[in-house]
Amino acid sequence: MFKYVADILTFNLLRLDAASRLGESVHFFIYDVTKIFFSILLIIFIISFIRTFLSPERVRALLSREHFGISNLTASLFGAISPFCSCSSVPIFMGFLEAGVPYGVAFSFLITSPLVNEIVFVLLLSTFGFKMAMVYVSFGVILGVVLGVVIGRFGLQGDIINLDLDQTESQLPKLFKERLQYAAEETYAIVKHIFIYIVIGVAIGAFIHGYVPAEFIMKYIRSESIFAVPIAVLIGIPIYAGCSTLVPVIFAFTQKGIAIGTALAFMMAVAGLSFPEAILLKSVLKMRLLAIFYAVVGVGIILVGYLFNIIF
């Protein structure tokens, strides 16, 4: 549906050439803005409605266990079974924070969610085999747990902004009609706040999509240099796409001689550290915490890339 809308607006209404860089960029922009907007609209409404049945106290209790790393593992596993891209994961991350979940635990979900899901597993299984798929999923969950714990150790709870962190069970609606109204109001408030960030982030991604050729990426990550993995991560960050979309691309990269760990590091950076996600997170995180998140996750992805190059 979203592609159909983008096709009509780009090629029929605006009459842009599908083969031109401008046409590709505008099509990408319209397609991604509509897809992300409606996905986030739906996800926020559903999550907000579900939250009326789950008091902040219950969510906090579930994801605030005292045992070291257990809550992070729970959040990371939840991220692994949730079929969300990085931008769709942000509203759920915000919901965790508003429920009083420790921010390091919430980051465990945010890190794993865009990297691991059942679709990615099936695609990796069919493309690279069972061992590769299992190792990738395991690393994705471990990455979320370890990096969530690390980020939580910085003690930067005060760097979370623009969120209601004092919700209680007594504030939640009880009647069905009230729950729907609450979900609609929450959805409107959040989407109104973050929509401009979505547009800016996708605009950046659309420019890169249309004006940065694939050959440019291939040129810099085909190298056998020790710096190939960090370069792949740096190139991947400005681009926006989901892992499910990227698995066939990664397979094509490996067929052209790019090391598997380097290709996967590129994929993980694209899916988990995109510009649209950064711009969304900037609306709820101070720059210091956002920079730490990107630095820590970037280093983690680089290490995973090196490990894959060693193992495979």
Protein backbone atom coordinates (compact mmCIF):
# COMPACT_ATOMS: atom_id res chain seq x y z
CA MET A 1 0.00 0.00 0.00
CA PHE A 2 2.74 2.48 1.00
CA LYS A 3 4.72 1.71 -2.15
CA TYR A 4 1.58 2.27 -4.23
CA VAL A 5 1.04 5.68 -2.61
CA ALA A 6 4.70 6.59 -3.13
CA ASP A 7 4.53 5.47 -6.78
CA ILE A 8 1.47 7.61 -7.49
CA LEU A 9 2.76 10.73 -5.73
CA THR A 10 6.30 10.51 -7.10
CA PHE A 11 5.85 9.31 -10.65
CA ASN A 12 2.27 10.27 -11.53
CA LEU A 13 1.64 13.46 -9.56
CA LEU A 14 5.15 14.93 -9.46
CA ARG A 15 6.12 13.22 -12.74
CA LEU A 16 9.66 12.46 -11.63
CA ASP A 17 11.82 9.99 -13.52
CA ALA A 18 12.03 6.68 -11.63
CA ALA A 19 15.61 6.20 -12.84
CA SER A 20 16.82 9.61 -11.66
CA ARG A 21 18.50 10.24 -8.34
CA LEU A 22 15.88 12.83 -7.43
CA GLY A 23 13.09 10.40 -8.29
CA GLU A 24 14.68 7.67 -6.15
CA SER A 25 15.17 10.06 -3.22
CA VAL A 26 11.64 11.49 -3.32
CA HIS A 27 10.10 8.02 -3.71
CA PHE A 28 12.15 6.74 -0.77
CA PHE A 29 11.14 9.76 1.33
CA ILE A 30 7.39 9.45 0.65
CA TYR A 31 7.43 5.66 1.08
CA ASP A 32 9.35 5.72 4.37
CA VAL A 33 7.52 8.69 5.90
CA THR A 34 4.11 7.13 5.23
CA LYS A 35 5.23 3.67 6.33
CA ILE A 36 6.93 4.85 9.53
CA PHE A 37 4.15 7.32 10.36
CA PHE A 38 1.32 4.79 10.09
CA SER A 39 3.37 2.04 11.74
CA ILE A 40 4.21 4.27 14.69
CA LEU A 41 0.62 5.55 14.83
CA LEU A 42 -0.69 1.99 15.07
CA ILE A 43 1.99 0.76 17.45
CA ILE A 44 1.67 3.70 19.84
CA PHE A 45 -2.13 3.34 19.94
CA ILE A 46 -1.93 -0.41 20.63
CA ILE A 47 0.81 -0.06 23.22
CA SER A 48 -0.99 2.86 24.91
CA PHE A 49 -4.21 0.81 25.05
CA ILE A 50 -2.39 -2.22 26.48
CA ARG A 51 -0.70 0.00 29.05
CA THR A 52 -4.12 0.82 30.55
CA PHE A 53 -4.23 -2.83 31.67
CA LEU A 54 -0.61 -2.91 32.85
CA SER A 55 0.05 -0.55 35.68
CA PRO A 56 3.47 1.13 35.84
CA GLU A 57 4.00 -0.69 39.12
CA ARG A 58 3.60 -4.12 37.43
CA VAL A 59 5.84 -3.26 34.48
CA ARG A 60 8.41 -1.81 36.85
CA ALA A 61 8.30 -4.94 39.01
CA LEU A 62 8.71 -7.24 35.99
CA LEU A 63 11.68 -5.35 34.54
CA SER A 64 13.37 -4.16 37.72
CA ARG A 65 14.53 -7.38 39.34
CA GLU A 66 17.52 -7.03 41.58
CA HIS A 67 19.53 -9.95 40.18
CA PHE A 68 22.36 -8.67 38.00
CA GLY A 69 21.40 -8.65 34.32
CA ILE A 70 18.13 -10.60 34.68
CA SER A 71 15.92 -7.62 33.84
CA ASN A 72 18.20 -6.72 30.94
CA LEU A 73 17.91 -10.29 29.62
CA THR A 74 14.11 -10.17 29.92
CA ALA A 75 13.96 -6.86 28.03
CA SER A 76 16.41 -8.09 25.39
CA LEU A 77 14.44 -11.30 24.81
CA PHE A 78 11.25 -9.26 24.50
CA GLY A 79 13.05 -7.13 21.91
CA ALA A 80 14.10 -10.29 20.04
CA ILE A 81 10.51 -11.53 19.66
CA SER A 82 9.07 -8.12 18.76
CA PRO A 83 8.96 -7.43 14.99
CA PHE A 84 9.89 -3.75 15.20
CA CYS A 85 12.35 -1.61 13.30
CA SER A 86 14.46 0.94 15.17
CA CYS A 87 11.94 3.78 14.78
CA SER A 88 9.00 1.61 15.83
CA SER A 89 10.95 0.45 18.90
CA VAL A 90 11.41 4.01 20.21
CA PRO A 91 7.77 4.51 21.36
CA ILE A 92 7.92 1.24 23.31
CA PHE A 93 11.25 2.30 24.79
CA MET A 94 9.57 5.55 25.85
CA GLY A 95 6.72 3.57 27.41
CA PHE A 96 9.19 1.55 29.47
CA LEU A 97 10.81 4.73 30.73
CA GLU A 98 7.45 6.26 31.65
CA ALA A 99 6.57 3.09 33.56
CA GLY A 100 9.67 3.58 35.71
CA VAL A 101 11.75 0.77 34.19
CA PRO A 102 15.48 1.39 34.78
CA TYR A 103 16.80 3.14 31.71
CA GLY A 104 19.61 0.62 31.21
CA VAL A 105 17.00 -2.16 31.02
CA ALA A 106 14.92 -0.12 28.54
CA PHE A 107 18.05 0.31 26.41
CA SER A 108 18.50 -3.49 26.33
CA PHE A 109 15.15 -3.70 24.57
CA LEU A 110 15.97 -0.81 22.25
CA ILE A 111 19.30 -2.36 21.21
CA THR A 112 18.05 -5.88 20.48
CA SER A 113 14.62 -5.10 19.01
CA PRO A 114 15.68 -3.80 15.55
CA LEU A 115 18.49 -6.36 15.22
CA VAL A 116 16.72 -9.64 15.99
CA ASN A 117 13.28 -11.00 15.12
CA GLU A 118 11.77 -14.17 13.68
CA ILE A 119 11.82 -12.83 10.11
CA VAL A 120 15.54 -12.05 10.30
CA PHE A 121 16.19 -15.51 11.77
CA VAL A 122 14.30 -17.27 8.96
CA LEU A 123 16.05 -15.18 6.29
CA LEU A 124 19.48 -15.84 7.78
CA LEU A 125 18.63 -19.53 8.18
CA SER A 126 17.62 -19.89 4.53
CA THR A 127 20.48 -17.74 3.24
CA PHE A 128 23.48 -18.59 5.45
CA GLY A 129 22.46 -21.75 7.33
CA PHE A 130 21.45 -22.74 10.88
CA LYS A 131 24.79 -22.11 12.61
CA MET A 132 25.09 -18.60 11.24
CA ALA A 133 21.48 -17.75 12.13
CA MET A 134 21.81 -19.04 15.70
CA VAL A 135 25.11 -17.26 16.33
CA TYR A 136 23.69 -13.99 15.01
CA VAL A 137 20.55 -14.20 17.18
CA SER A 138 22.64 -15.12 20.23
CA PHE A 139 25.00 -12.21 19.66
CA GLY A 140 22.04 -9.86 19.15
CA VAL A 141 20.53 -10.78 22.51
CA ILE A 142 23.89 -10.75 24.33
CA LEU A 143 24.65 -7.35 22.80
CA GLY A 144 21.41 -5.95 24.21
CA VAL A 145 22.04 -7.39 27.68
CA VAL A 146 25.68 -6.38 28.03
CA LEU A 147 25.35 -2.91 26.51
CA GLY A 148 22.16 -2.20 28.48
CA VAL A 149 24.03 -3.02 31.68
CA VAL A 150 26.98 -0.84 30.60
CA ILE A 151 24.77 2.15 29.72
CA GLY A 152 22.88 1.76 32.99
CA ARG A 153 26.15 2.06 34.91
CA PHE A 154 26.64 5.65 33.70
CA GLY A 155 23.89 6.84 36.07
CA LEU A 156 22.34 9.30 33.62
CA GLN A 157 18.66 8.98 34.57
CA GLY A 158 18.52 12.78 34.63
CA ASP A 159 19.29 12.88 30.91
CA ILE A 160 15.80 11.56 30.11
CA ILE A 161 13.50 14.45 29.15
CA ASN A 162 9.94 15.23 28.00
CA LEU A 163 8.44 12.11 29.60
CA ASP A 164 5.95 11.60 32.43
CA LEU A 165 8.01 9.44 34.77
CA ASP A 166 5.55 9.57 37.68
CA GLN A 167 2.56 7.62 36.35
CA THR A 168 0.70 5.46 38.89
CA GLU A 169 -2.02 2.83 38.62
CA SER A 170 -4.63 5.25 39.98
CA GLN A 171 -4.10 7.48 36.94
CA LEU A 172 -5.03 4.77 34.44
CA PRO A 173 -8.58 4.65 32.97
CA LYS A 174 -10.83 1.72 33.87
CA LEU A 175 -13.74 1.77 31.38
CA PHE A 176 -13.27 0.50 27.80
CA LYS A 177 -14.31 3.83 26.27
CA GLU A 178 -11.92 5.66 28.60
CA ARG A 179 -9.10 3.29 27.63
CA LEU A 180 -9.67 4.02 23.92
CA GLN A 181 -9.76 7.74 24.61
CA TYR A 182 -6.56 7.51 26.67
CA ALA A 183 -4.81 5.58 23.87
CA ALA A 184 -5.96 8.12 21.26
CA GLU A 185 -4.79 11.08 23.35
CA GLU A 186 -1.42 9.45 24.09
CA THR A 187 -0.97 8.62 20.41
CA TYR A 188 -1.79 12.16 19.31
CA ALA A 189 0.52 13.73 21.91
CA ILE A 190 3.49 11.50 21.08
CA VAL A 191 3.10 11.56 17.29
CA LYS A 192 2.62 15.35 17.32
CA HIS A 193 5.88 15.65 19.27
CA ILE A 194 8.01 13.28 17.18
CA PHE A 195 6.61 13.64 13.64
CA ILE A 196 8.96 16.47 12.67
CA TYR A 197 11.89 14.33 13.82
CA ILE A 198 10.67 11.48 11.63
CA VAL A 199 10.49 13.77 8.60
CA ILE A 200 14.00 15.17 9.19
CA GLY A 201 15.52 11.74 9.75
CA VAL A 202 13.91 10.16 6.69
CA ALA A 203 14.89 13.18 4.56
CA ILE A 204 18.54 12.55 5.44
CA GLY A 205 18.16 8.87 4.66
CA ALA A 206 16.39 9.64 1.36
CA PHE A 207 19.24 11.89 0.23
CA ILE A 208 21.80 9.19 1.00
CA HIS A 209 19.63 6.53 -0.68
CA GLY A 210 19.37 8.52 -3.89
CA TYR A 211 22.76 10.17 -4.09
CA VAL A 212 25.22 7.69 -2.51
CA PRO A 213 25.70 4.80 -4.98
CA ALA A 214 26.10 1.21 -3.79
CA GLU A 215 29.52 1.11 -5.44
CA PHE A 216 30.71 3.73 -2.93
CA ILE A 217 29.77 1.46 -0.04
CA MET A 218 31.31 -1.61 -1.69
CA LYS A 219 34.57 0.26 -2.34
CA TYR A 220 35.24 0.97 1.32
CA ILE A 221 34.09 -2.24 2.99
CA ARG A 222 35.55 -4.76 0.54
CA SER A 223 39.00 -4.09 1.97
CA GLU A 224 40.76 -6.74 4.08
CA SER A 225 42.07 -3.96 6.29
CA ILE A 226 41.52 -4.17 10.04
CA PHE A 227 39.56 -0.92 9.67
CA ALA A 228 36.98 -2.41 7.28
CA VAL A 229 34.52 -3.26 10.09
CA PRO A 230 34.55 0.22 11.72
CA ILE A 231 34.25 1.81 8.28
CA ALA A 232 31.25 -0.43 7.48
CA VAL A 233 29.57 0.69 10.73
CA LEU A 234 30.23 4.38 10.03
CA ILE A 235 28.85 4.06 6.49
CA GLY A 236 25.80 2.17 7.75
CA ILE A 237 24.69 4.68 10.40
CA PRO A 238 23.28 7.36 8.05
CA ILE A 239 21.24 4.77 6.10
CA TYR A 240 17.82 3.60 7.28
CA ALA A 241 16.39 0.11 6.65
CA GLY A 242 15.30 -2.95 8.60
CA CYS A 243 17.40 -6.10 8.98
CA SER A 244 14.70 -8.09 7.14
CA THR A 245 15.22 -5.89 4.09
CA LEU A 246 19.00 -6.03 4.33
CA VAL A 247 19.66 -9.78 4.60
CA PRO A 248 19.55 -10.31 0.80
CA VAL A 249 21.81 -7.27 0.36
CA ILE A 250 24.28 -8.68 2.89
CA PHE A 251 24.29 -12.01 1.07
CA ALA A 252 25.09 -10.19 -2.19
CA PHE A 253 27.93 -8.37 -0.41
CA THR A 254 29.45 -11.66 0.78
CA GLN A 255 29.21 -13.09 -2.73
CA LYS A 256 31.36 -10.18 -3.92
CA GLY A 257 34.11 -11.03 -1.42
CA ILE A 258 33.18 -8.90 1.59
CA ALA A 259 33.87 -10.68 4.90
CA ILE A 260 30.70 -11.88 6.62
CA GLY A 261 31.43 -10.01 9.86
CA THR A 262 32.04 -6.78 7.97
CA ALA A 263 28.77 -7.20 6.05
CA LEU A 264 26.80 -7.99 9.21
CA ALA A 265 28.33 -5.03 11.06
CA PHE A 266 27.09 -2.83 8.21
CA MET A 267 23.61 -4.39 8.48
CA MET A 268 23.44 -3.98 12.26
CA ALA A 269 24.55 -0.34 12.04
CA VAL A 270 21.90 0.41 9.41
CA ALA A 271 19.14 -1.29 11.43
CA GLY A 272 20.15 -0.32 14.95
CA LEU A 273 21.90 3.06 14.69
CA SER A 274 20.02 4.90 11.96
CA PHE A 275 19.71 8.70 11.73
CA PRO A 276 15.89 8.59 11.99
CA GLU A 277 16.23 6.67 15.27
CA ALA A 278 18.76 9.21 16.57
CA ILE A 279 16.48 12.10 15.73
CA LEU A 280 13.53 10.38 17.43
CA LEU A 281 15.61 9.65 20.52
CA LYS A 282 16.84 13.24 20.63
CA SER A 283 13.28 14.22 21.57
CA VAL A 284 13.51 12.24 24.84
CA LEU A 285 17.24 12.03 25.58
CA LYS A 286 19.81 14.72 26.23
CA MET A 287 22.71 14.79 23.79
CA ARG A 288 25.13 13.32 26.34
CA LEU A 289 23.11 10.13 26.88
CA LEU A 290 22.32 9.86 23.16
CA ALA A 291 26.03 10.12 22.31
CA ILE A 292 26.92 7.48 24.90
CA PHE A 293 24.22 5.15 23.50
CA TYR A 294 25.56 5.50 19.96
CA ALA A 295 29.19 5.16 21.03
CA VAL A 296 28.63 2.08 23.19
CA VAL A 297 26.39 0.31 20.66
CA GLY A 298 28.73 1.26 17.80
CA VAL A 299 31.70 -0.30 19.61
CA GLY A 300 29.60 -3.37 20.44
CA ILE A 301 28.61 -3.86 16.80
CA ILE A 302 32.24 -3.47 15.70
CA LEU A 303 33.32 -6.18 18.16
CA VAL A 304 30.54 -8.49 16.93
CA GLY A 305 31.74 -7.89 13.36
CA TYR A 306 35.28 -8.87 14.26
CA LEU A 307 34.02 -11.99 16.09
CA PHE A 308 32.01 -13.09 13.07
CA ASN A 309 35.06 -12.61 10.84
CA ILE A 310 37.04 -14.86 13.19
CA ILE A 311 34.33 -17.52 13.58
CA PHE A 312 33.27 -17.66 9.92
